[in-house]
Amino acid sequence: MRQLLLELGAAKPQTLDSFVVGCNQELAALLRLIEAGASRSLDQRFITIWGEPGAGKSHLLTALASNSKARLIPASATLSEFSWSPDVGLYLLDDCDLLSADLQIAAFALYNQVREAGGSLIAVTSKPPAQLTLREDLRTRLGWGLIYQLHGLSDEEKIAALSLSAAKRGLSLSAGVLPYLLTHYRRDMQSLSGMLDALDHYSLETQRPITMPLLRELMQRDDTAKLP
């Protein structure tokens, strides 16, 4: 079951179109401009996005990283990955709050190079820049441009998004399936969407409708599920 969820998740590319916006409309609109290369002002070229785990930060970075002009730089990157290149128009720094001392220096240098030579840089953190335990000069750079908190979806928004996804695929869900899933399973949208895919497959495999008993049975086969 766990392998099935991993395969289903890997089969679905993370895109800006598949990101459930919720109350992050302004940020989503700006990221579309950046993806299209239409952002020109200095403050729009530097963005820090912060939010709690599961809010969708990885989804956004993965979506933007699909651009051939983008470079995704994780916290575990090597020093060479922080070097500026004329072939890169968008730098994506993941988990900036986890950078080692040497990589913090490299990130600071990259900010300066991007500002002087061109391009855009988006950094992702778990907290607002002012609350991060980093070098002061890097914290200053993280506050150079726009700062957005990425707000997670409410339970109602998650249910609405999953219901819409199910309806588009012609899935009929018994009442209570989605509320139960939200309270007894991992709560990030990627995991919830993966479970919805798994339910679809399991329903077809067993020739049974998607009901509460089917959901409970499937969750019992997933060793990572949160069971009551």
Protein backbone atom coordinates (compact mmCIF):
# COMPACT_ATOMS: atom_id res chain seq x y z
CA MET A 1 0.00 0.00 0.00
CA ARG A 2 2.80 2.41 0.93
CA GLN A 3 4.54 1.68 -2.37
CA LEU A 4 1.30 2.35 -4.26
CA LEU A 5 0.98 5.78 -2.65
CA LEU A 6 4.59 6.60 -3.53
CA GLU A 7 4.08 5.54 -7.13
CA LEU A 8 0.86 7.54 -7.45
CA GLY A 9 2.51 10.61 -5.95
CA ALA A 10 5.51 10.31 -8.27
CA ALA A 11 3.25 9.95 -11.30
CA LYS A 12 1.65 13.36 -10.74
CA PRO A 13 3.96 16.28 -11.50
CA GLN A 14 3.68 19.21 -9.13
CA THR A 15 2.60 22.29 -11.11
CA LEU A 16 1.28 25.74 -10.32
CA ASP A 17 -2.00 24.67 -11.88
CA SER A 18 -2.35 21.74 -9.47
CA PHE A 19 -1.56 23.90 -6.43
CA VAL A 20 -4.71 24.57 -4.41
CA VAL A 21 -4.43 28.32 -3.87
CA GLY A 22 -6.78 28.89 -0.94
CA CYS A 23 -6.09 32.35 0.49
CA ASN A 24 -2.68 32.60 -1.22
CA GLN A 25 -4.04 34.30 -4.36
CA GLU A 26 -1.55 37.18 -4.45
CA LEU A 27 1.46 34.90 -4.07
CA ALA A 28 0.14 32.42 -6.67
CA ALA A 29 -0.39 35.24 -9.18
CA LEU A 30 3.13 36.57 -8.61
CA LEU A 31 4.71 33.13 -9.02
CA ARG A 32 2.95 32.76 -12.36
CA LEU A 33 4.53 36.04 -13.49
CA ILE A 34 7.94 34.82 -12.37
CA GLU A 35 7.46 31.46 -14.07
CA ALA A 36 6.62 33.29 -17.29
CA GLY A 37 9.61 35.61 -16.90
CA ALA A 38 7.31 38.63 -16.69
CA SER A 39 8.46 39.93 -13.30
CA ARG A 40 10.85 42.87 -13.65
CA SER A 41 10.84 45.11 -10.55
CA LEU A 42 13.60 44.54 -7.99
CA ASP A 43 11.30 43.67 -5.10
CA GLN A 44 9.47 41.07 -7.21
CA ARG A 45 12.76 39.43 -8.16
CA PHE A 46 13.46 38.45 -4.54
CA ILE A 47 10.82 36.58 -2.57
CA THR A 48 10.91 34.75 0.73
CA ILE A 49 8.10 32.26 1.37
CA TRP A 50 7.64 30.87 4.84
CA GLY A 51 5.09 28.52 6.33
CA GLU A 52 4.54 25.46 8.44
CA PRO A 53 5.17 21.91 7.14
CA GLY A 54 2.44 20.72 4.79
CA ALA A 55 1.42 24.20 3.63
CA GLY A 56 2.71 23.53 0.10
CA LYS A 57 6.18 25.09 -0.01
CA SER A 58 7.76 22.02 -1.61
CA HIS A 59 4.92 21.86 -4.14
CA LEU A 60 5.61 25.42 -5.28
CA LEU A 61 9.38 24.99 -5.52
CA THR A 62 9.04 21.71 -7.42
CA ALA A 63 6.58 23.34 -9.80
CA LEU A 64 8.88 26.29 -10.47
CA ALA A 65 11.92 24.01 -10.78
CA SER A 66 10.39 22.40 -13.88
CA ASN A 67 11.35 25.57 -15.79
CA SER A 68 14.50 24.95 -17.84
CA LYS A 69 15.90 28.28 -16.60
CA ALA A 70 15.43 27.42 -12.92
CA ARG A 71 17.82 25.82 -10.45
CA LEU A 72 16.53 24.18 -7.26
CA ILE A 73 19.09 24.38 -4.46
CA PRO A 74 18.33 22.22 -1.38
CA ALA A 75 19.84 22.78 2.06
CA SER A 76 22.09 19.77 1.37
CA ALA A 77 23.53 21.33 -1.81
CA THR A 78 27.21 21.69 -2.56
CA LEU A 79 28.96 25.05 -2.69
CA SER A 80 29.13 24.90 -6.49
CA GLU A 81 25.33 24.87 -6.74
CA PHE A 82 25.26 28.39 -5.28
CA SER A 83 27.36 29.80 -8.12
CA TRP A 84 25.67 32.32 -10.41
CA SER A 85 25.23 31.36 -14.07
CA PRO A 86 23.94 33.38 -17.05
CA ASP A 87 21.95 30.28 -18.04
CA VAL A 88 19.88 30.38 -14.83
CA GLY A 89 17.11 32.94 -14.53
CA LEU A 90 15.48 31.65 -11.34
CA TYR A 91 17.20 30.34 -8.22
CA LEU A 92 15.09 28.38 -5.72
CA LEU A 93 16.60 28.04 -2.25
CA ASP A 94 14.86 25.38 -0.18
CA ASP A 95 14.98 25.18 3.63
CA CYS A 96 17.21 28.24 4.03
CA ASP A 97 16.94 27.98 7.80
CA LEU A 98 18.81 24.64 7.63
CA LEU A 99 21.84 25.89 5.68
CA SER A 100 25.26 25.18 7.15
CA ALA A 101 27.57 28.06 8.02
CA ASP A 102 29.51 27.72 4.74
CA LEU A 103 26.33 27.53 2.66
CA GLN A 104 24.93 30.62 4.39
CA ILE A 105 27.96 32.53 3.13
CA ALA A 106 27.41 31.08 -0.35
CA ALA A 107 23.71 32.01 -0.28
CA PHE A 108 24.59 35.58 0.74
CA ALA A 109 27.03 35.84 -2.17
CA LEU A 110 24.43 34.44 -4.58
CA TYR A 111 21.89 37.08 -3.51
CA ASN A 112 24.40 39.80 -4.32
CA GLN A 113 25.28 38.30 -7.69
CA VAL A 114 21.65 37.89 -8.72
CA ARG A 115 20.92 41.49 -7.80
CA GLU A 116 23.87 42.77 -9.82
CA ALA A 117 23.76 40.42 -12.81
CA GLY A 118 20.05 39.66 -13.13
CA GLY A 119 17.59 36.89 -12.47
CA SER A 120 15.17 36.10 -9.65
CA LEU A 121 15.60 34.27 -6.37
CA ILE A 122 12.96 32.62 -4.22
CA ALA A 123 13.86 31.36 -0.76
CA VAL A 124 11.77 29.07 1.41
CA THR A 125 11.93 28.98 5.21
CA SER A 126 9.90 27.68 8.12
CA LYS A 127 9.67 31.07 9.86
CA PRO A 128 9.72 34.77 8.95
CA PRO A 129 13.27 35.98 8.22
CA ALA A 130 13.42 38.06 11.39
CA GLN A 131 12.91 34.91 13.50
CA LEU A 132 15.57 32.78 11.82
CA THR A 133 18.85 31.88 13.46
CA LEU A 134 21.12 32.76 10.56
CA ARG A 135 23.95 35.12 9.73
CA GLU A 136 22.71 38.69 10.04
CA ASP A 137 23.73 39.57 6.48
CA LEU A 138 21.80 36.59 5.07
CA ARG A 139 18.73 37.40 7.17
CA THR A 140 18.90 40.91 5.72
CA ARG A 141 19.00 39.50 2.21
CA LEU A 142 15.99 37.28 2.94
CA GLY A 143 14.09 40.45 3.72
CA TRP A 144 15.27 42.31 0.61
CA GLY A 145 12.16 41.78 -1.47
CA LEU A 146 8.68 40.47 -0.78
CA ILE A 147 7.89 38.19 2.16
CA TYR A 148 4.86 35.91 2.03
CA GLN A 149 3.44 33.54 4.58
CA LEU A 150 2.11 30.48 2.78
CA HIS A 151 -1.19 29.75 4.50
CA GLY A 152 -2.30 26.15 4.70
CA LEU A 153 -5.81 25.21 3.63
CA SER A 154 -8.63 24.99 6.13
CA ASP A 155 -10.39 21.64 6.51
CA GLU A 156 -13.32 23.01 4.52
CA GLU A 157 -11.01 24.09 1.67
CA LYS A 158 -9.29 20.70 1.63
CA ILE A 159 -12.62 18.87 1.46
CA ALA A 160 -13.81 21.21 -1.30
CA ALA A 161 -10.61 20.65 -3.31
CA LEU A 162 -10.74 16.86 -2.89
CA SER A 163 -14.45 16.80 -3.74
CA LEU A 164 -13.79 18.78 -6.92
CA SER A 165 -10.94 16.45 -7.87
CA ALA A 166 -13.18 13.42 -7.31
CA ALA A 167 -16.03 14.95 -9.32
CA LYS A 168 -13.73 15.71 -12.27
CA ARG A 169 -12.73 12.05 -12.35
CA GLY A 170 -16.29 10.79 -11.99
CA LEU A 171 -15.70 9.30 -8.54
CA SER A 172 -18.67 8.82 -6.26
CA LEU A 173 -17.72 9.16 -2.59
CA SER A 174 -20.01 8.12 0.22
CA ALA A 175 -20.87 10.80 2.78
CA GLY A 176 -18.28 11.01 5.52
CA VAL A 177 -15.36 9.59 3.52
CA LEU A 178 -13.47 12.87 3.16
CA PRO A 179 -14.07 14.19 6.70
CA TYR A 180 -12.90 10.84 8.08
CA LEU A 181 -9.82 10.91 5.85
CA LEU A 182 -8.92 14.38 7.10
CA THR A 183 -9.10 13.39 10.76
CA HIS A 184 -7.42 9.99 10.48
CA TYR A 185 -4.70 10.50 7.88
CA ARG A 186 -1.80 12.80 7.08
CA ARG A 187 -3.20 16.25 6.45
CA ASP A 188 -1.07 17.70 3.65
CA MET A 189 -2.75 17.89 0.26
CA GLN A 190 -0.17 15.73 -1.51
CA SER A 191 -0.81 12.83 0.89
CA LEU A 192 -4.58 13.33 0.81
CA SER A 193 -4.61 13.42 -2.99
CA GLY A 194 -2.45 10.31 -3.07
CA MET A 195 -4.91 8.49 -0.83
CA LEU A 196 -7.80 9.59 -3.06
CA ASP A 197 -5.93 8.10 -6.04
CA ALA A 198 -5.31 4.92 -4.06
CA LEU A 199 -9.01 4.73 -3.17
CA ASP A 200 -9.89 5.01 -6.85
CA HIS A 201 -7.49 2.19 -7.75
CA TYR A 202 -8.62 0.00 -4.83
CA SER A 203 -12.28 0.55 -5.70
CA LEU A 204 -11.65 -0.59 -9.27
CA GLU A 205 -9.54 -3.52 -8.11
CA THR A 206 -12.14 -4.81 -5.66
CA GLN A 207 -15.18 -3.74 -7.70
CA ARG A 208 -16.58 -1.99 -4.63
CA PRO A 209 -17.86 1.59 -4.18
CA ILE A 210 -15.84 4.15 -2.24
CA THR A 211 -17.40 3.93 1.19
CA MET A 212 -16.23 4.26 4.78
CA PRO A 213 -15.57 0.49 5.10
CA LEU A 214 -13.44 0.56 1.94
CA LEU A 215 -11.48 3.57 3.20
CA ARG A 216 -10.84 1.96 6.61
CA GLU A 217 -9.73 -1.25 4.93
CA LEU A 218 -7.32 0.60 2.68
CA MET A 219 -5.91 2.67 5.52
CA GLN A 220 -5.23 -0.47 7.53
CA ARG A 221 -3.01 -1.62 4.68
CA ASP A 222 -1.02 1.62 4.81
CA ASP A 223 1.51 1.37 7.65
CA THR A 224 1.91 5.18 7.68
CA ALA A 225 -1.78 5.98 8.12
CA LYS A 226 -3.01 7.63 11.33
CA LEU A 227 -5.60 5.21 12.65
CA PRO A 228 -7.89 5.91 15.60
